Amino acid sequence: MNKDVHAILKSTVVNAVSINLDPDKLRQGNITLSAEGKSELRVPKEDDDLSILLVSSMEIKSQEDEDILHASFVVNFFFSIDEKLDNYDEIVTKQCLPTIRTETKELANKFLRDMGFPGVFKADEQNDSK
């Protein structure tokens, strides 16, 4: 991969959200959340199309008791790149996936904040399990 190729997030489309929680236990705090996810790469079919799509699914749950919080998200992330690539592995791994992790954490926080639970999911870059 040319080192000058950059992936820029152009848009995000939320396909599905499911959040189950126990409000009383969640408000007590002191819960540890874990996150697991996967992303599927969809490359363009047209030679002049400089975009890639990553269909991402993430599951967030309380490690103490899944009934405290269990959330799942399916999101399409559309990225634009500078040039057509033969191999997308490096740009996806080094640029797209870190962006997807951050965006999904922010999305989870937004939904939880809108439900009255601000600051539940702490985006900790050193430990992705929180």
Protein backbone atom coordinates (compact mmCIF):
# COMPACT_ATOMS: atom_id res chain seq x y z
CA MET A 1 0.00 0.00 0.00
CA ASN A 2 1.19 3.46 -0.84
CA LYS A 3 1.89 5.20 2.47
CA ASP A 4 0.07 8.30 1.21
CA VAL A 5 -3.28 6.53 0.84
CA HIS A 6 -5.79 7.69 3.44
CA ALA A 7 -9.21 6.39 4.36
CA ILE A 8 -11.70 9.06 5.36
CA LEU A 9 -15.02 8.22 6.97
CA LYS A 10 -17.71 9.75 4.74
CA SER A 11 -20.92 8.46 6.30
CA THR A 12 -22.38 6.09 8.82
CA VAL A 13 -25.69 4.27 8.52
CA VAL A 14 -27.10 2.49 11.58
CA ASN A 15 -28.93 -0.63 10.39
CA ALA A 16 -29.94 -2.14 13.73
CA VAL A 17 -29.74 -1.36 17.44
CA SER A 18 -30.80 -3.49 20.37
CA ILE A 19 -30.28 -2.36 23.96
CA ASN A 20 -31.49 -4.33 26.97
CA LEU A 21 -30.64 -3.04 30.41
CA ASP A 22 -31.60 -3.09 34.07
CA PRO A 23 -31.83 0.60 35.01
CA ASP A 24 -31.47 0.09 38.76
CA LYS A 25 -28.35 -2.06 38.50
CA LEU A 26 -26.88 0.16 35.79
CA ARG A 27 -27.28 3.29 37.93
CA GLN A 28 -25.42 1.59 40.79
CA GLY A 29 -22.30 1.70 38.62
CA ASN A 30 -19.16 -0.37 39.09
CA ILE A 31 -19.80 -2.55 36.07
CA THR A 32 -17.24 -3.76 33.61
CA LEU A 33 -18.27 -3.78 29.98
CA SER A 34 -16.80 -5.91 27.24
CA ALA A 35 -17.12 -5.33 23.53
CA GLU A 36 -16.78 -7.78 20.68
CA GLY A 37 -17.23 -7.07 17.04
CA LYS A 38 -16.50 -7.92 13.48
CA SER A 39 -16.44 -6.03 10.23
CA GLU A 40 -16.95 -7.26 6.70
CA LEU A 41 -15.25 -5.42 3.86
CA ARG A 42 -17.18 -4.65 0.69
CA VAL A 43 -15.01 -3.32 -2.11
CA PRO A 44 -16.32 -1.39 -5.11
CA LYS A 45 -17.00 -3.17 -8.39
CA GLU A 46 -16.34 -0.12 -10.53
CA ASP A 47 -12.71 0.79 -11.27
CA ASP A 48 -13.30 4.49 -10.74
CA ASP A 49 -15.10 4.04 -7.40
CA LEU A 50 -12.75 5.11 -4.61
CA SER A 51 -14.94 4.03 -1.72
CA ILE A 52 -15.11 1.04 0.57
CA LEU A 53 -17.88 -0.18 2.81
CA LEU A 54 -17.35 -1.91 6.13
CA VAL A 55 -20.41 -3.59 7.59
CA SER A 56 -19.71 -3.71 11.29
CA SER A 57 -21.48 -5.51 14.09
CA MET A 58 -20.63 -4.94 17.74
CA GLU A 59 -21.95 -6.45 20.93
CA ILE A 60 -21.45 -4.72 24.28
CA LYS A 61 -22.34 -6.45 27.52
CA SER A 62 -21.77 -6.32 31.24
CA GLN A 63 -19.23 -8.89 32.39
CA GLU A 64 -20.86 -9.20 35.81
CA ASP A 65 -24.37 -9.98 34.60
CA GLU A 66 -25.58 -9.78 31.03
CA ASP A 67 -28.98 -8.58 32.29
CA ILE A 68 -27.40 -5.33 33.51
CA LEU A 69 -26.51 -4.27 29.96
CA HIS A 70 -26.53 -6.05 26.64
CA ALA A 71 -26.41 -3.98 23.47
CA SER A 72 -25.80 -4.82 19.84
CA PHE A 73 -25.26 -2.56 16.85
CA VAL A 74 -25.03 -3.19 13.12
CA VAL A 75 -23.61 -0.22 11.27
CA ASN A 76 -22.44 0.50 7.72
CA PHE A 77 -19.30 2.65 7.56
CA PHE A 78 -18.57 4.26 4.20
CA PHE A 79 -14.97 5.36 3.63
CA SER A 80 -13.36 7.13 0.71
CA ILE A 81 -9.77 6.41 -0.24
CA ASP A 82 -7.26 8.28 -2.40
CA GLU A 83 -6.62 5.55 -4.95
CA LYS A 84 -7.76 2.10 -6.00
CA LEU A 85 -5.93 -0.68 -4.13
CA ASP A 86 -5.21 -4.30 -4.93
CA ASN A 87 -5.10 -5.22 -1.25
CA TYR A 88 -7.23 -3.42 1.34
CA ASP A 89 -5.97 -5.30 4.42
CA GLU A 90 -3.48 -2.71 5.61
CA ILE A 91 -5.70 0.35 5.16
CA VAL A 92 -8.63 -1.43 6.81
CA THR A 93 -6.53 -2.66 9.74
CA LYS A 94 -4.55 0.52 10.38
CA GLN A 95 -7.04 3.25 9.49
CA CYS A 96 -10.62 2.01 9.22
CA LEU A 97 -10.93 -0.36 12.18
CA PRO A 98 -9.65 2.15 14.77
CA THR A 99 -12.14 4.68 13.40
CA ILE A 100 -14.96 2.12 13.56
CA ARG A 101 -14.12 1.27 17.18
CA THR A 102 -14.19 4.93 18.19
CA GLU A 103 -17.37 5.69 16.24
CA THR A 104 -19.19 2.66 17.67
CA LYS A 105 -18.24 3.61 21.23
CA GLU A 106 -19.53 7.13 20.61
CA LEU A 107 -22.72 5.72 19.09
CA ALA A 108 -23.26 3.46 22.12
CA ASN A 109 -22.69 6.41 24.45
CA LYS A 110 -25.16 8.54 22.50
CA PHE A 111 -27.92 5.93 22.69
CA LEU A 112 -27.29 5.32 26.40
CA ARG A 113 -27.11 9.06 27.12
CA ASP A 114 -30.42 9.57 25.28
CA MET A 115 -31.88 6.81 27.49
CA GLY A 116 -30.72 8.65 30.63
CA PHE A 117 -27.44 6.85 31.31
CA PRO A 118 -24.61 9.28 30.54
CA GLY A 119 -21.04 8.11 30.70
CA VAL A 120 -21.78 4.40 31.04
CA PHE A 121 -19.49 3.25 28.26
CA LYS A 122 -16.05 4.74 28.74
CA ALA A 123 -13.97 4.84 25.59
CA ASP A 124 -10.58 3.77 26.92
CA GLU A 125 -8.04 3.45 24.10
CA GLN A 126 -5.58 1.55 26.28
CA ASN A 127 -8.09 -1.16 27.17
CA ASP A 128 -10.73 -1.85 24.55
CA SER A 129 -12.67 -4.10 26.94
CA LYS A 130 -14.11 -1.12 28.86
